Every structure is written in structure tokens, then in C-alpha cells.
Amino acid sequence: MNTLQLTADASNDNAGDPTKVTRGMILKRAIELAMNDGRSALEASKSDWEQAKQEFSEPDEEMV
């Protein structure tokens, strides 16, 4: 399974340990993006998937 890695939240007890982002997490976010755009979960597009992956791979602004 392909995974992306993010840095754990500094407030987390396991700070410094990587947190794995799974395909399921990305899929869930892609579905949310589609539904926010007025489409059904079955209509999640490749661009929704790509945006979801990008969101998980970018550092959180609040954590910087």
C-alpha cells in the first residue's frame, strides 16, 4: 500500500514520530471534496483525488 508521511502534531505525545496517511484517508477526503462541490461520492474525480493527496502532503500552516 502506498502511503504519504506527515510529521506528527507537536502537541501529540508521540511528537516526532511519522503519521501514515493511508489511501483510505485520501479517498475519504476526495469524497468530501466531491460532495462539497455538489456531486455524489461516486462522482469523485481524479482531480478530487489529486487535491486530497496534495492537502495531506503539504505542511499544515498552523504547525509551521
Protein backbone atom coordinates (compact mmCIF):
# COMPACT_ATOMS: atom_id res chain seq x y z
CA MET A 1 0.00 0.00 0.00
CA ASN A 2 1.31 3.45 -0.90
CA THR A 3 1.44 5.92 1.95
CA LEU A 4 2.45 9.51 2.41
CA GLN A 5 4.14 10.53 5.60
CA LEU A 6 3.41 13.62 7.63
CA THR A 7 5.09 14.92 10.73
CA ALA A 8 3.11 14.23 13.89
CA ASP A 9 1.43 17.17 15.59
CA ALA A 10 3.81 18.75 18.09
CA SER A 11 1.14 18.60 20.79
CA ASN A 12 0.87 14.84 20.31
CA ASP A 13 2.53 12.62 22.93
CA ASN A 14 4.34 10.86 20.07
CA ALA A 15 5.77 14.07 18.62
CA GLY A 16 8.47 13.37 16.08
CA ASP A 17 7.03 10.00 15.03
CA PRO A 18 5.72 9.94 11.46
CA THR A 19 1.99 9.61 10.94
CA LYS A 20 0.99 7.49 7.96
CA VAL A 21 -1.66 8.74 5.58
CA THR A 22 -3.50 5.83 4.03
CA ARG A 23 -5.26 5.53 0.69
CA GLY A 24 -8.49 5.30 2.67
CA MET A 25 -7.87 8.68 4.28
CA ILE A 26 -7.17 10.23 0.89
CA LEU A 27 -10.27 8.60 -0.59
CA LYS A 28 -12.43 9.91 2.26
CA ARG A 29 -11.13 13.45 1.66
CA ALA A 30 -11.66 13.13 -2.13
CA ILE A 31 -15.27 12.11 -1.48
CA GLU A 32 -15.71 15.09 0.86
CA LEU A 33 -14.38 17.40 -1.85
CA ALA A 34 -16.80 15.96 -4.41
CA MET A 35 -19.75 16.27 -2.06
CA ASN A 36 -18.78 19.85 -1.14
CA ASP A 37 -18.94 20.56 -4.87
CA GLY A 38 -22.48 19.14 -5.09
CA ARG A 39 -21.52 15.76 -6.53
CA SER A 40 -22.13 12.31 -5.05
CA ALA A 41 -19.43 10.14 -3.52
CA LEU A 42 -19.49 8.03 -6.70
CA GLU A 43 -18.67 11.13 -8.74
CA ALA A 44 -15.35 11.86 -7.01
CA SER A 45 -12.95 12.71 -9.82
CA LYS A 46 -9.24 12.30 -10.39
CA SER A 47 -8.83 15.99 -9.61
CA ASP A 48 -10.57 15.46 -6.23
CA TRP A 49 -8.14 12.60 -5.54
CA GLU A 50 -5.14 14.74 -6.55
CA GLN A 51 -6.29 17.66 -4.41
CA ALA A 52 -6.79 15.35 -1.42
CA LYS A 53 -3.28 13.90 -1.85
CA GLN A 54 -1.83 17.39 -2.10
CA GLU A 55 -3.62 18.52 1.07
CA PHE A 56 -2.13 15.61 3.02
CA SER A 57 1.37 16.19 1.65
CA GLU A 58 1.52 19.93 2.37
CA PRO A 59 2.62 21.07 5.81
CA ASP A 60 -0.18 22.39 8.00
CA GLU A 61 0.07 26.20 8.16
CA GLU A 62 -0.69 26.18 11.90
CA MET A 63 2.15 23.74 12.61
CA VAL A 64 4.87 25.87 10.99
